[in-house]
Amino acid sequence: MSVTSQWIDIPAGNDSFGGYLALPKGGKGPGIIIIQEIFGVNGHIRDVTEQYALDGYVALAPDIFWRTQPRVELGYVGADRDKGIELLQKTDVQLAVQDIGSAAAALRQRPEVNGKIAAIGYCFGGRLAYLAAAEGSVDAAVTYYGGGIQNQLDVADKVKVPIQFHYAELDHGIPLSAVGEVKERFAGRDNAEFHLYPNADHGFNCSVRASYNQHASALAHGRTLTFLADHL
């Protein structure tokens, strides 16, 4: 992909952490925070960041695991998957949400960013995007198969910004009953939209996972772009 990309430092209190930044060819655009799965800012997440830069956004993927293991890059099976679960268990979710706020603040200060900031998260990152929306640190949020959102519905009323949920019908980690709980909690509110993908499983957006579903991925990407165009 022919976009300009680099790792940058994101200030966080008295410290700082890394983030992978990709700039659109036009040089300027609204900002997007791409929030990783449990596998780090790996090749796939960098590809996603660059894809959104090609779509005209200033995209930044913060290193969520920096406090435990900076710049970790993992695969999706075996020991790598086990390592990702271990890193997740060591992660303070509230601090991670603060880091997304720091990433949003860093984006807002960049001269390339004109307009608002959205967060797009995948799996664990999907839950973080939802929580960042509840914190009010972003102007819109998109969550792909966000695990555990159904267990944090106590903050749903704090989500005042537009939010879009993508779920997979065959996702055993997020059963349809959990999707139903989230949907019910947001029922009657005009700032939330839900999409369920038949015959798709968890991770359907990731082309290097066995669960990749091209049709669902393309459909979700188009819906995400429409959502972002409407709200940023």
Protein backbone atom coordinates (compact mmCIF):
# COMPACT_ATOMS: atom_id res chain seq x y z
CA MET A 1 0.00 0.00 0.00
CA SER A 2 1.34 3.40 -0.93
CA VAL A 3 0.41 5.42 2.13
CA THR A 4 2.85 7.15 4.45
CA SER A 5 3.16 5.27 7.73
CA GLN A 6 5.38 5.38 10.80
CA TRP A 7 5.49 4.59 14.49
CA ILE A 8 4.96 7.66 16.68
CA ASP A 9 5.13 8.37 20.41
CA ILE A 10 1.83 9.07 22.18
CA PRO A 11 2.14 11.10 25.40
CA ALA A 12 0.44 9.51 28.43
CA GLY A 13 0.89 11.44 31.66
CA ASN A 14 4.57 11.34 32.52
CA ASP A 15 5.15 8.48 30.09
CA SER A 16 4.57 7.72 26.44
CA PHE A 17 3.79 4.69 24.29
CA GLY A 18 3.91 3.77 20.64
CA GLY A 19 1.28 3.92 17.95
CA TYR A 20 1.29 3.03 14.26
CA LEU A 21 0.19 6.04 12.20
CA ALA A 22 -0.88 5.98 8.56
CA LEU A 23 -1.67 9.17 6.61
CA PRO A 24 -4.07 9.51 3.69
CA LYS A 25 -2.72 10.43 0.27
CA GLY A 26 -4.56 13.73 0.45
CA GLY A 27 -2.55 14.57 3.54
CA LYS A 28 -5.52 15.49 5.72
CA GLY A 29 -8.70 13.85 6.94
CA PRO A 30 -10.77 12.91 9.97
CA GLY A 31 -9.01 10.76 12.56
CA ILE A 32 -9.55 7.10 13.36
CA ILE A 33 -8.11 5.07 16.22
CA ILE A 34 -7.73 1.41 15.21
CA ILE A 35 -7.84 -0.75 18.34
CA GLN A 36 -6.05 -4.08 18.22
CA GLU A 37 -7.20 -7.56 19.14
CA ILE A 38 -5.23 -9.51 21.76
CA PHE A 39 -2.52 -10.14 19.16
CA GLY A 40 -0.88 -6.72 19.29
CA VAL A 41 -0.36 -4.18 16.53
CA ASN A 42 0.61 -7.01 14.20
CA GLY A 43 0.77 -7.13 10.41
CA HIS A 44 -3.00 -7.41 10.05
CA ILE A 45 -3.73 -4.42 12.31
CA ARG A 46 -1.16 -2.36 10.43
CA ASP A 47 -2.86 -3.40 7.16
CA VAL A 48 -6.22 -2.27 8.55
CA THR A 49 -4.68 1.04 9.63
CA GLU A 50 -3.27 1.56 6.14
CA GLN A 51 -6.60 0.56 4.57
CA TYR A 52 -8.39 3.34 6.44
CA ALA A 53 -5.66 5.75 5.40
CA LEU A 54 -6.38 4.75 1.80
CA ASP A 55 -10.02 5.50 2.57
CA GLY A 56 -8.99 9.07 3.44
CA TYR A 57 -8.57 8.93 7.20
CA VAL A 58 -5.64 9.74 9.48
CA ALA A 59 -5.44 6.32 11.17
CA LEU A 60 -3.58 5.49 14.37
CA ALA A 61 -3.24 2.05 16.01
CA PRO A 62 -2.06 2.51 19.63
CA ASP A 63 -0.02 -0.24 21.31
CA ILE A 64 -2.51 -1.34 23.98
CA PHE A 65 -0.16 -3.86 25.62
CA TRP A 66 2.75 -1.42 26.01
CA ARG A 67 2.79 -1.62 29.80
CA THR A 68 3.35 -5.39 29.75
CA GLN A 69 5.10 -6.11 26.46
CA PRO A 70 5.64 -3.19 24.06
CA ARG A 71 5.30 -3.78 20.32
CA VAL A 72 4.31 -7.43 20.68
CA GLU A 73 3.20 -9.11 17.44
CA LEU A 74 1.38 -12.43 17.66
CA GLY A 75 -0.25 -14.95 15.36
CA TYR A 76 -3.70 -16.42 15.94
CA VAL A 77 -3.17 -20.02 17.04
CA GLY A 78 -1.19 -22.14 19.48
CA ALA A 79 1.40 -20.53 21.75
CA ASP A 80 0.81 -17.09 20.19
CA ARG A 81 -2.88 -17.24 21.04
CA ASP A 82 -2.05 -18.37 24.58
CA LYS A 83 0.36 -15.43 24.90
CA GLY A 84 -2.33 -13.02 23.73
CA ILE A 85 -4.75 -14.33 26.36
CA GLU A 86 -2.03 -13.97 29.00
CA LEU A 87 -1.38 -10.36 27.97
CA LEU A 88 -5.11 -9.64 28.05
CA GLN A 89 -5.35 -10.98 31.59
CA LYS A 90 -2.49 -8.68 32.66
CA THR A 91 -4.09 -5.62 31.11
CA ASP A 92 -5.89 -3.04 33.24
CA VAL A 93 -8.92 -2.27 31.07
CA GLN A 94 -9.46 1.16 32.60
CA LEU A 95 -5.86 2.14 31.86
CA ALA A 96 -6.30 0.86 28.30
CA VAL A 97 -9.37 3.08 27.90
CA GLN A 98 -7.31 6.00 29.18
CA ASP A 99 -4.66 5.15 26.57
CA ILE A 100 -7.29 5.41 23.85
CA GLY A 101 -8.16 8.84 25.25
CA SER A 102 -4.47 9.74 25.03
CA ALA A 103 -4.35 8.48 21.43
CA ALA A 104 -7.43 10.57 20.60
CA ALA A 105 -5.84 13.65 22.17
CA ALA A 106 -2.63 13.04 20.19
CA LEU A 107 -4.62 12.71 16.97
CA ARG A 108 -6.59 15.90 17.63
CA GLN A 109 -3.34 17.83 17.97
CA ARG A 110 -1.93 16.65 14.65
CA PRO A 111 -2.15 19.17 11.78
CA GLU A 112 -3.26 16.39 9.39
CA VAL A 113 -6.48 15.80 11.33
CA ASN A 114 -9.43 17.90 10.31
CA GLY A 115 -12.73 17.07 11.88
CA LYS A 116 -13.70 14.46 14.39
CA ILE A 117 -12.19 11.25 15.79
CA ALA A 118 -13.69 7.76 15.71
CA ALA A 119 -12.53 4.50 17.29
CA ILE A 120 -12.78 1.16 15.48
CA GLY A 121 -11.98 -1.89 17.57
CA TYR A 122 -11.80 -5.62 16.96
CA CYS A 123 -12.53 -8.31 19.59
CA PHE A 124 -10.96 -6.97 22.83
CA GLY A 125 -10.47 -3.73 20.91
CA GLY A 126 -14.19 -3.71 20.17
CA ARG A 127 -14.95 -3.64 23.87
CA LEU A 128 -12.40 -0.84 24.32
CA ALA A 129 -14.02 1.18 21.50
CA TYR A 130 -17.37 0.85 23.29
CA LEU A 131 -15.82 1.93 26.60
CA ALA A 132 -14.03 4.86 24.93
CA ALA A 133 -17.40 5.95 23.54
CA ALA A 134 -18.84 5.79 27.07
CA GLU A 135 -15.92 7.90 28.34
CA GLY A 136 -16.63 10.48 25.63
CA SER A 137 -13.04 10.54 24.36
CA VAL A 138 -14.14 9.83 20.75
CA ASP A 139 -16.87 11.26 18.52
CA ALA A 140 -18.06 7.91 17.17
CA ALA A 141 -17.26 4.23 17.69
CA VAL A 142 -17.39 1.00 15.69
CA THR A 143 -17.07 -2.34 17.42
CA TYR A 144 -16.39 -5.60 15.59
CA TYR A 145 -17.29 -8.70 17.65
CA GLY A 146 -16.53 -6.84 20.86
CA GLY A 147 -16.16 -9.50 23.52
CA GLY A 148 -17.57 -8.75 26.96
CA ILE A 149 -19.66 -5.70 26.09
CA GLN A 150 -22.71 -7.56 27.41
CA ASN A 151 -21.01 -7.61 30.83
CA GLN A 152 -20.46 -3.84 30.90
CA LEU A 153 -23.89 -2.55 29.99
CA ASP A 154 -23.92 -0.45 33.16
CA VAL A 155 -22.11 2.25 31.15
CA ALA A 156 -24.38 2.02 28.10
CA ASP A 157 -26.29 5.18 29.07
CA LYS A 158 -23.01 7.12 28.97
CA VAL A 159 -22.64 6.35 25.26
CA LYS A 160 -23.95 9.58 23.74
CA VAL A 161 -21.98 9.39 20.46
CA PRO A 162 -22.99 7.34 17.40
CA ILE A 163 -21.98 3.70 17.75
CA GLN A 164 -22.09 0.78 15.30
CA PHE A 165 -21.94 -2.89 16.34
CA HIS A 166 -20.87 -5.79 14.10
CA TYR A 167 -21.54 -9.34 15.32
CA ALA A 168 -21.08 -12.81 13.83
CA GLU A 169 -23.90 -15.33 13.96
CA LEU A 170 -21.58 -18.30 14.60
CA ASP A 171 -19.42 -16.61 17.26
CA HIS A 172 -19.35 -19.02 20.22
CA GLY A 173 -17.48 -16.48 22.35
CA ILE A 174 -20.30 -13.95 21.89
CA PRO A 175 -23.50 -16.03 21.70
CA LEU A 176 -26.63 -14.58 20.15
CA SER A 177 -28.07 -14.22 23.65
CA ALA A 178 -25.24 -11.77 24.47
CA VAL A 179 -25.86 -9.86 21.24
CA GLY A 180 -29.52 -9.69 22.23
CA GLU A 181 -28.65 -8.23 25.62
CA VAL A 182 -26.60 -5.44 24.04
CA LYS A 183 -29.25 -4.76 21.39
CA GLU A 184 -31.98 -4.62 24.00
CA ARG A 185 -29.98 -2.18 26.14
CA PHE A 186 -29.69 0.21 23.18
CA ALA A 187 -33.27 -0.30 21.95
CA GLY A 188 -35.11 2.88 21.08
CA ARG A 189 -31.95 4.97 20.84
CA ASP A 190 -31.13 6.61 17.54
CA ASN A 191 -27.35 6.63 18.08
CA ALA A 192 -26.79 2.85 17.85
CA GLU A 193 -26.91 0.52 14.87
CA PHE A 194 -26.46 -3.25 14.81
CA HIS A 195 -25.39 -5.66 12.08
CA LEU A 196 -25.38 -9.46 12.40
CA TYR A 197 -23.53 -11.53 9.81
CA PRO A 198 -25.04 -14.94 9.01
CA ASN A 199 -22.61 -17.86 8.53
CA ALA A 200 -19.75 -15.70 9.87
CA ASP A 201 -17.61 -16.49 12.91
CA HIS A 202 -15.49 -14.47 15.33
CA GLY A 203 -12.62 -12.74 13.54
CA PHE A 204 -14.39 -12.70 10.16
CA ASN A 205 -12.73 -9.40 9.23
CA CYS A 206 -9.16 -10.75 9.48
CA SER A 207 -7.90 -12.16 6.20
CA VAL A 208 -5.13 -14.18 7.86
CA ARG A 209 -7.43 -16.03 10.24
CA ALA A 210 -9.12 -19.31 9.46
CA SER A 211 -12.45 -17.63 10.28
CA TYR A 212 -12.03 -14.94 7.59
CA ASN A 213 -15.25 -14.39 5.67
CA GLN A 214 -14.73 -12.24 2.61
CA HIS A 215 -18.41 -11.46 2.09
CA ALA A 216 -19.02 -10.42 5.71
CA SER A 217 -15.75 -8.48 5.82
CA ALA A 218 -16.54 -6.50 2.66
CA LEU A 219 -20.10 -5.81 3.80
CA ALA A 220 -18.93 -4.67 7.24
CA HIS A 221 -16.22 -2.45 5.77
CA GLY A 222 -18.74 -0.75 3.49
CA ARG A 223 -21.15 -0.22 6.37
CA THR A 224 -18.33 1.14 8.51
CA LEU A 225 -17.29 3.61 5.81
CA THR A 226 -20.89 4.79 5.40
CA PHE A 227 -21.21 5.21 9.16
CA LEU A 228 -17.95 7.17 9.37
CA ALA A 229 -18.88 9.37 6.42
CA ASP A 230 -22.20 10.17 8.08
CA HIS A 231 -20.78 10.99 11.51
CA LEU A 232 -17.26 12.38 11.17
